[in-house]
Each structure stands twice: as C-alpha cells, then as structure tokens.
C-alpha cells in the first residue's frame, strides 16, 4: 500500500488533501491520487510515464481525460491565479519560465535566470551537483554574480 501524504496548502487549520503516489508495474501505470479531506471523492492523475520535456508532446490523464501538458497548463494555471504561460508577467529583467536542472532530470523551477552583474537575494536558488535547486548560502546573499559557472534562478513570486 502506498504511503499517504497529507497536503495542507499553507494553512494547518484546514483539512489536508490525502495524496498517494502509486508506482507503476507491468500492468499498471504510475499514478497520483488526491482524495477529498471530508469524503471519498478523488482525482486520479496519470502522468506521462516517459516524459520528453516537451509540453506539446507529453500528456497527462486526469480522471479519464487525456490532454497534453500544454493544454492542462492553459486550463489550470488561470484557475490557480497564475495566468496562462503566454500571459505570465515579466518581473524584473527577463521572462519567468520553467527551468530544468542540468543534472537532475525532472527537477524544475519556475522563475528567471539571473545574469552577470545582478545581486543575489535570499530567495534565489542555484544548481548543485546533487541535482537539486539549492538555496543561496548566506555568505552569497548581497554579492554580485561575476561569471556564468553556476546557474542562478530567482523563483517567480506567484
């Protein structure tokens, strides 16, 4: 039986969603099931088993409805108050977009890439050899980016 994760969404007083991640096998595809906190209603999501990284090609099935990742983004992002991919606002220098970690496949971060000469802030992230986007060390906060040896991302304020 898969482990149940409780998702609170920032407010510990509200009832949490019950989320289970099921691994795939020869007969079943991997899935994510999110159950309502107060009843037995659930949403079952079947992500692409072999994603290519192209949202036009990759597909997702949500409660039996198949659509591309790009189609789901256009539908769900406005509902979540983010706007569509085409209408995302420009914050500072450069456009916010989804950045894929160069080492960690599937590790994505939405924001903008910082350029040489920009000052690092506490919220910024950098690529690490472990394959994760790590927080900027406290010693680098307030420093100016001098080279392109590391990738620095400022997450979007959504």
N, C-alpha and C. Protein backbone atom coordinates (compact mmCIF):
# COMPACT_ATOMS: atom_id res chain seq x y z
N UNK A 1 0.85 -1.18 0.00
CA UNK A 1 0.00 0.00 0.00
C UNK A 1 0.89 1.24 0.00
N UNK A 2 0.63 2.21 -0.90
CA UNK A 2 1.45 3.41 -0.93
C UNK A 2 1.23 4.28 0.31
N UNK A 3 2.24 5.05 0.64
CA UNK A 3 2.17 5.94 1.79
C UNK A 3 1.27 7.13 1.48
N UNK A 4 0.45 7.51 2.43
CA UNK A 4 -0.45 8.65 2.26
C UNK A 4 0.27 9.91 2.75
N UNK A 5 0.33 10.90 1.87
CA UNK A 5 0.91 12.19 2.22
C UNK A 5 -0.23 13.17 2.43
N UNK A 6 -0.13 13.99 3.44
CA UNK A 6 -1.16 14.99 3.70
C UNK A 6 -0.66 16.34 3.21
N UNK A 7 -1.47 17.00 2.37
CA UNK A 7 -1.10 18.29 1.79
C UNK A 7 -1.99 19.35 2.41
N UNK A 8 -1.37 20.29 3.14
CA UNK A 8 -2.12 21.32 3.87
C UNK A 8 -2.30 22.60 3.08
N UNK A 9 -1.37 22.93 2.19
CA UNK A 9 -1.53 24.14 1.39
C UNK A 9 -1.26 25.42 2.14
N UNK A 10 -0.47 25.40 3.18
CA UNK A 10 -0.08 26.63 3.88
C UNK A 10 -0.89 26.96 5.11
N UNK A 11 -2.01 26.29 5.33
CA UNK A 11 -2.85 26.58 6.47
C UNK A 11 -3.05 25.27 7.24
N UNK A 12 -2.44 25.18 8.40
CA UNK A 12 -2.52 23.95 9.20
C UNK A 12 -3.91 23.73 9.80
N UNK A 13 -4.77 24.77 9.78
CA UNK A 13 -6.10 24.65 10.36
C UNK A 13 -7.09 23.97 9.40
N UNK A 14 -6.80 24.00 8.09
CA UNK A 14 -7.72 23.39 7.14
C UNK A 14 -7.48 21.88 7.05
N UNK A 15 -8.48 21.17 6.58
CA UNK A 15 -8.34 19.72 6.40
C UNK A 15 -7.40 19.44 5.23
N UNK A 16 -6.44 18.53 5.40
CA UNK A 16 -5.48 18.28 4.34
C UNK A 16 -6.01 17.32 3.27
N UNK A 17 -5.55 17.53 2.03
CA UNK A 17 -5.80 16.53 0.99
C UNK A 17 -5.01 15.28 1.33
N UNK A 18 -5.54 14.13 0.98
CA UNK A 18 -4.81 12.88 1.18
C UNK A 18 -4.28 12.44 -0.18
N UNK A 19 -2.97 12.43 -0.34
CA UNK A 19 -2.36 12.16 -1.63
C UNK A 19 -1.54 10.88 -1.54
N UNK A 20 -1.74 9.99 -2.53
CA UNK A 20 -0.92 8.78 -2.62
C UNK A 20 -0.26 8.74 -3.99
N UNK A 21 1.00 8.34 -4.00
CA UNK A 21 1.76 8.15 -5.24
C UNK A 21 1.91 6.64 -5.43
N UNK A 22 1.39 6.14 -6.53
CA UNK A 22 1.48 4.72 -6.81
C UNK A 22 2.52 4.47 -7.88
N UNK A 23 3.44 3.55 -7.61
CA UNK A 23 4.45 3.20 -8.58
C UNK A 23 3.83 2.32 -9.67
N UNK A 24 4.37 2.47 -10.86
CA UNK A 24 3.88 1.65 -11.96
C UNK A 24 4.51 0.27 -11.93
N UNK A 25 3.88 -0.67 -12.63
CA UNK A 25 4.44 -2.00 -12.83
C UNK A 25 4.10 -2.43 -14.26
N UNK A 26 4.23 -3.69 -14.56
CA UNK A 26 3.99 -4.15 -15.93
C UNK A 26 2.54 -3.97 -16.37
N UNK A 27 1.61 -4.03 -15.42
CA UNK A 27 0.20 -3.97 -15.77
C UNK A 27 -0.44 -2.60 -15.52
N UNK A 28 0.13 -1.82 -14.61
CA UNK A 28 -0.47 -0.53 -14.25
C UNK A 28 0.53 0.60 -14.41
N UNK A 29 0.04 1.74 -14.85
CA UNK A 29 0.87 2.94 -14.99
C UNK A 29 0.99 3.62 -13.63
N UNK A 30 2.08 4.37 -13.41
CA UNK A 30 2.19 5.12 -12.15
C UNK A 30 1.08 6.17 -12.07
N UNK A 31 0.63 6.46 -10.87
CA UNK A 31 -0.45 7.43 -10.72
C UNK A 31 -0.33 8.20 -9.42
N UNK A 32 -1.06 9.30 -9.39
CA UNK A 32 -1.18 10.14 -8.19
C UNK A 32 -2.68 10.25 -7.91
N UNK A 33 -3.06 9.96 -6.67
CA UNK A 33 -4.47 10.05 -6.29
C UNK A 33 -4.60 11.07 -5.16
N UNK A 34 -5.45 12.07 -5.38
CA UNK A 34 -5.72 13.09 -4.36
C UNK A 34 -7.16 12.93 -3.90
N UNK A 35 -7.33 12.65 -2.61
CA UNK A 35 -8.67 12.44 -2.07
C UNK A 35 -9.13 13.65 -1.29
N UNK A 36 -10.41 13.88 -1.36
CA UNK A 36 -11.05 14.96 -0.61
C UNK A 36 -10.86 14.70 0.89
N UNK A 37 -10.62 15.75 1.69
CA UNK A 37 -10.40 15.52 3.12
C UNK A 37 -11.65 15.10 3.89
N UNK A 38 -12.84 15.34 3.32
CA UNK A 38 -14.03 15.05 4.11
C UNK A 38 -14.92 13.94 3.53
N UNK A 39 -14.57 13.41 2.36
CA UNK A 39 -15.39 12.35 1.78
C UNK A 39 -14.51 11.41 0.95
N UNK A 40 -15.13 10.53 0.19
CA UNK A 40 -14.38 9.53 -0.57
C UNK A 40 -14.09 9.97 -2.01
N UNK A 41 -14.49 11.18 -2.41
CA UNK A 41 -14.23 11.67 -3.77
C UNK A 41 -12.73 11.80 -3.99
N UNK A 42 -12.28 11.48 -5.23
CA UNK A 42 -10.85 11.53 -5.52
C UNK A 42 -10.61 11.94 -6.96
N UNK A 43 -9.42 12.46 -7.19
CA UNK A 43 -8.94 12.77 -8.53
C UNK A 43 -7.74 11.86 -8.76
N UNK A 44 -7.74 11.15 -9.90
CA UNK A 44 -6.63 10.26 -10.23
C UNK A 44 -5.89 10.86 -11.42
N UNK A 45 -4.59 11.03 -11.25
CA UNK A 45 -3.75 11.63 -12.28
C UNK A 45 -2.73 10.60 -12.72
N UNK A 46 -2.66 10.39 -14.04
CA UNK A 46 -1.66 9.51 -14.63
C UNK A 46 -0.69 10.38 -15.43
N UNK A 47 0.47 10.70 -14.86
CA UNK A 47 1.43 11.50 -15.62
C UNK A 47 2.09 10.67 -16.72
N UNK A 48 2.75 11.33 -17.65
CA UNK A 48 3.48 10.65 -18.73
C UNK A 48 4.51 9.72 -18.11
N UNK A 49 4.53 8.47 -18.53
CA UNK A 49 5.46 7.50 -17.94
C UNK A 49 6.89 7.74 -18.41
N UNK A 50 7.06 8.28 -19.61
CA UNK A 50 8.40 8.60 -20.13
C UNK A 50 8.38 10.01 -20.69
N UNK A 51 8.44 11.04 -19.83
CA UNK A 51 8.33 12.41 -20.32
C UNK A 51 9.52 12.81 -21.20
N UNK A 52 9.22 13.58 -22.24
CA UNK A 52 10.27 14.07 -23.14
C UNK A 52 10.74 15.46 -22.74
N UNK A 53 9.97 16.15 -21.90
CA UNK A 53 10.28 17.53 -21.53
C UNK A 53 9.60 18.52 -22.46
N UNK A 54 8.90 18.05 -23.47
CA UNK A 54 8.19 18.91 -24.41
C UNK A 54 6.71 18.92 -24.02
N UNK A 55 6.19 20.08 -23.52
CA UNK A 55 4.79 20.12 -23.07
C UNK A 55 3.77 19.92 -24.19
N UNK A 56 4.19 20.10 -25.45
CA UNK A 56 3.27 19.88 -26.57
C UNK A 56 3.09 18.39 -26.84
N UNK A 57 4.09 17.58 -26.50
CA UNK A 57 4.06 16.14 -26.80
C UNK A 57 3.62 15.34 -25.57
N UNK A 58 4.18 15.67 -24.40
CA UNK A 58 3.88 14.92 -23.18
C UNK A 58 2.40 15.06 -22.84
N UNK A 59 1.81 13.99 -22.31
CA UNK A 59 0.40 14.03 -21.97
C UNK A 59 0.18 13.62 -20.53
N UNK A 60 -0.96 14.01 -20.02
CA UNK A 60 -1.38 13.68 -18.66
C UNK A 60 -2.85 13.30 -18.73
N UNK A 61 -3.22 12.27 -17.96
CA UNK A 61 -4.63 11.88 -17.86
C UNK A 61 -5.10 12.25 -16.46
N UNK A 62 -6.17 13.03 -16.39
CA UNK A 62 -6.77 13.41 -15.11
C UNK A 62 -8.23 12.95 -15.15
N UNK A 63 -8.56 12.02 -14.25
CA UNK A 63 -9.90 11.42 -14.17
C UNK A 63 -10.43 10.98 -15.53
N UNK A 64 -9.59 10.34 -16.32
CA UNK A 64 -10.01 9.78 -17.60
C UNK A 64 -9.93 10.73 -18.78
N UNK A 65 -9.54 11.99 -18.55
CA UNK A 65 -9.43 12.96 -19.64
C UNK A 65 -7.97 13.08 -20.04
N UNK A 66 -7.65 12.74 -21.29
CA UNK A 66 -6.28 12.82 -21.80
C UNK A 66 -6.08 14.17 -22.47
N UNK A 67 -4.96 14.83 -22.16
CA UNK A 67 -4.60 16.10 -22.80
C UNK A 67 -3.10 16.30 -22.68
N UNK A 68 -2.55 17.17 -23.52
CA UNK A 68 -1.13 17.46 -23.43
C UNK A 68 -0.87 18.32 -22.20
N UNK A 69 0.38 18.34 -21.76
CA UNK A 69 0.76 19.17 -20.62
C UNK A 69 0.44 20.63 -20.91
N UNK A 70 0.68 21.06 -22.14
CA UNK A 70 0.40 22.45 -22.52
C UNK A 70 -1.10 22.76 -22.38
N UNK A 71 -1.96 21.82 -22.78
CA UNK A 71 -3.40 22.02 -22.66
C UNK A 71 -3.83 22.12 -21.19
N UNK A 72 -3.27 21.23 -20.35
CA UNK A 72 -3.61 21.28 -18.92
C UNK A 72 -3.14 22.59 -18.30
N UNK A 73 -1.96 23.09 -18.72
CA UNK A 73 -1.47 24.37 -18.20
C UNK A 73 -2.43 25.50 -18.54
N UNK A 74 -2.87 25.54 -19.81
CA UNK A 74 -3.79 26.60 -20.24
C UNK A 74 -5.10 26.55 -19.46
N UNK A 75 -5.53 25.35 -19.09
CA UNK A 75 -6.78 25.21 -18.35
C UNK A 75 -6.61 25.52 -16.87
N UNK A 76 -5.55 24.97 -16.24
CA UNK A 76 -5.44 25.02 -14.78
C UNK A 76 -4.71 26.24 -14.23
N UNK A 77 -3.73 26.78 -14.94
CA UNK A 77 -2.98 27.92 -14.40
C UNK A 77 -3.87 29.13 -14.10
N UNK A 78 -4.81 29.52 -14.99
CA UNK A 78 -5.68 30.64 -14.63
C UNK A 78 -6.55 30.36 -13.41
N UNK A 79 -6.99 29.11 -13.26
CA UNK A 79 -7.81 28.75 -12.10
C UNK A 79 -7.01 28.92 -10.81
N UNK A 80 -5.70 28.62 -10.88
CA UNK A 80 -4.83 28.75 -9.71
C UNK A 80 -4.35 30.17 -9.50
N UNK A 81 -4.78 31.11 -10.35
CA UNK A 81 -4.41 32.51 -10.19
C UNK A 81 -3.03 32.83 -10.72
N UNK A 82 -2.49 31.98 -11.59
CA UNK A 82 -1.15 32.20 -12.13
C UNK A 82 -1.21 32.85 -13.50
N UNK A 83 -2.32 32.71 -14.22
CA UNK A 83 -2.40 33.18 -15.60
C UNK A 83 -1.91 32.08 -16.51
N UNK A 84 -1.97 32.32 -17.80
CA UNK A 84 -1.51 31.30 -18.74
C UNK A 84 -0.02 31.45 -18.99
N UNK A 85 0.60 30.46 -19.60
CA UNK A 85 2.02 30.51 -19.91
C UNK A 85 2.31 31.69 -20.82
N UNK A 86 1.42 31.98 -21.79
CA UNK A 86 1.65 33.08 -22.71
C UNK A 86 1.51 34.44 -22.03
N UNK A 87 0.73 34.53 -20.95
CA UNK A 87 0.47 35.83 -20.35
C UNK A 87 1.18 36.03 -19.01
N UNK A 88 2.18 35.20 -18.72
CA UNK A 88 2.91 35.39 -17.47
C UNK A 88 3.60 36.75 -17.48
N UNK A 89 3.59 37.41 -16.35
CA UNK A 89 4.16 38.75 -16.31
C UNK A 89 5.67 38.70 -16.25
N UNK A 90 6.27 39.77 -16.72
CA UNK A 90 7.71 39.92 -16.63
C UNK A 90 8.01 40.61 -15.30
N UNK A 91 8.85 40.00 -14.51
CA UNK A 91 9.21 40.56 -13.21
C UNK A 91 10.70 40.84 -13.25
N UNK A 92 11.08 42.11 -13.23
CA UNK A 92 12.49 42.46 -13.28
C UNK A 92 13.02 42.27 -14.69
N UNK A 93 14.27 41.86 -14.81
CA UNK A 93 14.92 41.67 -16.10
C UNK A 93 14.73 40.23 -16.52
N UNK A 94 14.11 40.01 -17.64
CA UNK A 94 13.96 38.64 -18.16
C UNK A 94 12.59 38.08 -17.88
N UNK A 95 12.27 37.03 -18.60
CA UNK A 95 10.95 36.39 -18.52
C UNK A 95 11.00 35.19 -17.59
N UNK A 96 9.96 35.04 -16.80
CA UNK A 96 9.83 33.84 -15.98
C UNK A 96 9.51 32.66 -16.88
N UNK A 97 10.15 31.54 -16.64
CA UNK A 97 9.86 30.32 -17.37
C UNK A 97 10.27 29.14 -16.52
N UNK A 98 9.92 27.95 -16.99
CA UNK A 98 10.25 26.73 -16.28
C UNK A 98 11.68 26.33 -16.62
N UNK A 99 12.55 26.25 -15.62
CA UNK A 99 13.95 25.87 -15.81
C UNK A 99 14.14 24.44 -15.35
N UNK A 100 14.75 23.62 -16.18
CA UNK A 100 15.06 22.23 -15.84
C UNK A 100 16.49 22.16 -15.34
N UNK A 101 16.71 21.47 -14.24
CA UNK A 101 18.05 21.34 -13.68
C UNK A 101 18.95 20.61 -14.66
N UNK A 102 20.19 21.09 -14.89
CA UNK A 102 21.08 20.45 -15.87
C UNK A 102 21.48 19.01 -15.51
N UNK A 103 21.49 18.68 -14.22
CA UNK A 103 21.88 17.33 -13.80
C UNK A 103 20.67 16.51 -13.39
N UNK A 104 19.80 17.07 -12.58
CA UNK A 104 18.64 16.35 -12.05
C UNK A 104 17.47 16.38 -13.00
N UNK A 105 17.29 15.33 -13.78
CA UNK A 105 16.17 15.26 -14.72
C UNK A 105 14.85 15.34 -13.95
N UNK A 106 13.97 16.18 -14.43
CA UNK A 106 12.67 16.33 -13.79
C UNK A 106 12.63 17.33 -12.66
N UNK A 107 13.79 17.90 -12.30
CA UNK A 107 13.82 18.91 -11.24
C UNK A 107 13.61 20.27 -11.90
N UNK A 108 12.39 20.79 -11.83
CA UNK A 108 12.05 22.04 -12.49
C UNK A 108 11.82 23.14 -11.47
N UNK A 109 12.11 24.37 -11.90
CA UNK A 109 11.92 25.54 -11.05
C UNK A 109 11.40 26.66 -11.92
N UNK A 110 10.29 27.29 -11.52
CA UNK A 110 9.70 28.36 -12.30
C UNK A 110 10.25 29.70 -11.80
N UNK A 111 10.85 30.44 -12.70
CA UNK A 111 11.42 31.74 -12.36
C UNK A 111 12.25 32.26 -13.51
N UNK A 112 13.16 33.18 -13.23
CA UNK A 112 14.00 33.73 -14.29
C UNK A 112 15.46 33.52 -13.95
N UNK A 113 16.26 33.30 -14.99
CA UNK A 113 17.69 33.09 -14.81
C UNK A 113 18.36 34.44 -14.58
N UNK A 114 19.21 34.50 -13.56
CA UNK A 114 19.92 35.74 -13.25
C UNK A 114 21.14 35.90 -14.16
N UNK A 115 21.45 37.14 -14.44
CA UNK A 115 22.56 37.44 -15.34
C UNK A 115 23.76 37.98 -14.56
N UNK A 116 24.91 38.02 -15.22
CA UNK A 116 26.12 38.60 -14.62
C UNK A 116 25.82 40.05 -14.23
N UNK A 117 26.25 40.44 -13.03
CA UNK A 117 26.03 41.80 -12.54
C UNK A 117 24.83 41.95 -11.63
N UNK A 118 23.95 40.95 -11.57
CA UNK A 118 22.80 41.04 -10.68
C UNK A 118 23.20 40.65 -9.26
N UNK A 119 22.51 41.23 -8.29
CA UNK A 119 22.79 40.98 -6.88
C UNK A 119 21.93 39.81 -6.40
N UNK A 120 22.56 38.85 -5.72
CA UNK A 120 21.85 37.68 -5.21
C UNK A 120 21.01 38.03 -3.99
N UNK A 121 19.82 37.43 -3.91
CA UNK A 121 18.92 37.62 -2.79
C UNK A 121 18.71 36.29 -2.07
N UNK A 122 18.14 36.35 -0.88
CA UNK A 122 17.94 35.15 -0.07
C UNK A 122 17.03 34.13 -0.75
N UNK A 123 16.08 34.59 -1.57
CA UNK A 123 15.12 33.68 -2.21
C UNK A 123 15.71 32.94 -3.41
N UNK A 124 16.86 33.38 -3.93
CA UNK A 124 17.44 32.80 -5.15
C UNK A 124 17.89 31.36 -4.92
N UNK A 125 17.94 30.61 -6.01
CA UNK A 125 18.37 29.21 -5.99
C UNK A 125 19.52 29.03 -6.97
N UNK A 126 20.36 28.01 -6.71
CA UNK A 126 21.44 27.70 -7.62
C UNK A 126 21.48 26.21 -7.88
N UNK A 127 22.02 25.85 -9.06
CA UNK A 127 22.12 24.44 -9.40
C UNK A 127 23.23 23.81 -8.57
N UNK A 128 23.03 22.56 -8.20
CA UNK A 128 24.04 21.88 -7.40
C UNK A 128 24.37 20.54 -8.06
N UNK A 129 25.54 19.98 -7.76
CA UNK A 129 25.91 18.68 -8.34
C UNK A 129 24.96 17.56 -7.93
N UNK A 130 24.23 17.73 -6.83
CA UNK A 130 23.32 16.68 -6.36
C UNK A 130 22.08 16.56 -7.23
N UNK A 131 21.83 17.56 -8.09
CA UNK A 131 20.67 17.51 -8.96
C UNK A 131 19.47 18.27 -8.43
N UNK A 132 19.65 19.04 -7.35
CA UNK A 132 18.57 19.85 -6.78
C UNK A 132 18.87 21.33 -6.96
N UNK A 133 17.82 22.14 -6.88
CA UNK A 133 17.98 23.59 -6.84
C UNK A 133 18.13 23.95 -5.36
N UNK A 134 19.32 24.39 -4.96
CA UNK A 134 19.59 24.68 -3.56
C UNK A 134 19.46 26.17 -3.27
N UNK A 135 19.16 26.49 -2.01
CA UNK A 135 19.12 27.88 -1.57
C UNK A 135 20.51 28.48 -1.65
N UNK A 136 20.55 29.79 -1.85
CA UNK A 136 21.82 30.50 -1.89
C UNK A 136 22.41 30.49 -0.47
N UNK A 137 23.69 30.13 -0.30
CA UNK A 137 24.29 30.20 1.03
C UNK A 137 24.26 31.64 1.55
N UNK A 138 24.12 31.80 2.84
CA UNK A 138 24.05 33.12 3.44
C UNK A 138 25.23 34.02 3.11
N UNK A 139 26.39 33.41 2.87
CA UNK A 139 27.58 34.21 2.55
C UNK A 139 27.50 34.84 1.17
N UNK A 140 26.62 34.32 0.30
CA UNK A 140 26.49 34.87 -1.06
C UNK A 140 25.40 35.93 -1.19
N UNK A 141 24.49 36.00 -0.20
CA UNK A 141 23.41 36.98 -0.25
C UNK A 141 24.01 38.38 -0.27
N UNK A 142 23.57 39.18 -1.25
CA UNK A 142 24.08 40.54 -1.39
C UNK A 142 25.28 40.64 -2.32
N UNK A 143 25.85 39.52 -2.73
CA UNK A 143 27.00 39.52 -3.64
C UNK A 143 26.51 39.66 -5.08
N UNK A 144 27.41 40.10 -5.95
CA UNK A 144 27.10 40.26 -7.37
C UNK A 144 27.60 39.05 -8.14
N UNK A 145 26.79 38.60 -9.12
CA UNK A 145 27.19 37.47 -9.95
C UNK A 145 28.31 37.94 -10.87
N UNK A 146 29.44 37.23 -10.86
CA UNK A 146 30.60 37.65 -11.63
C UNK A 146 30.87 36.76 -12.85
N UNK A 147 30.31 35.53 -12.89
CA UNK A 147 30.56 34.63 -14.02
C UNK A 147 29.36 33.71 -14.24
N UNK A 148 29.44 32.93 -15.29
CA UNK A 148 28.35 32.01 -15.64
C UNK A 148 28.66 30.56 -15.26
N UNK A 149 29.53 30.34 -14.28
CA UNK A 149 29.89 28.98 -13.90
C UNK A 149 28.74 28.23 -13.21
N UNK A 150 27.87 28.96 -12.54
CA UNK A 150 26.70 28.38 -11.88
C UNK A 150 25.45 29.00 -12.50
N UNK A 151 24.34 28.27 -12.40
CA UNK A 151 23.06 28.79 -12.86
C UNK A 151 22.31 29.29 -11.63
N UNK A 152 21.96 30.56 -11.63
CA UNK A 152 21.21 31.17 -10.54
C UNK A 152 19.81 31.48 -11.05
N UNK A 153 18.78 31.05 -10.30
CA UNK A 153 17.38 31.28 -10.67
C UNK A 153 16.71 32.05 -9.54
N UNK A 154 15.95 33.08 -9.91
CA UNK A 154 15.11 33.78 -8.93
C UNK A 154 13.69 33.27 -9.13
N UNK A 155 13.17 32.49 -8.17
CA UNK A 155 11.82 31.94 -8.33
C UNK A 155 10.79 33.06 -8.49
N UNK A 156 9.77 32.78 -9.31
CA UNK A 156 8.72 33.76 -9.54
C UNK A 156 7.88 33.92 -8.29
N UNK A 157 7.48 35.16 -8.03
CA UNK A 157 6.63 35.45 -6.87
C UNK A 157 5.19 35.27 -7.31
N UNK A 158 4.71 34.02 -7.14
CA UNK A 158 3.35 33.69 -7.61
C UNK A 158 2.45 33.54 -6.41
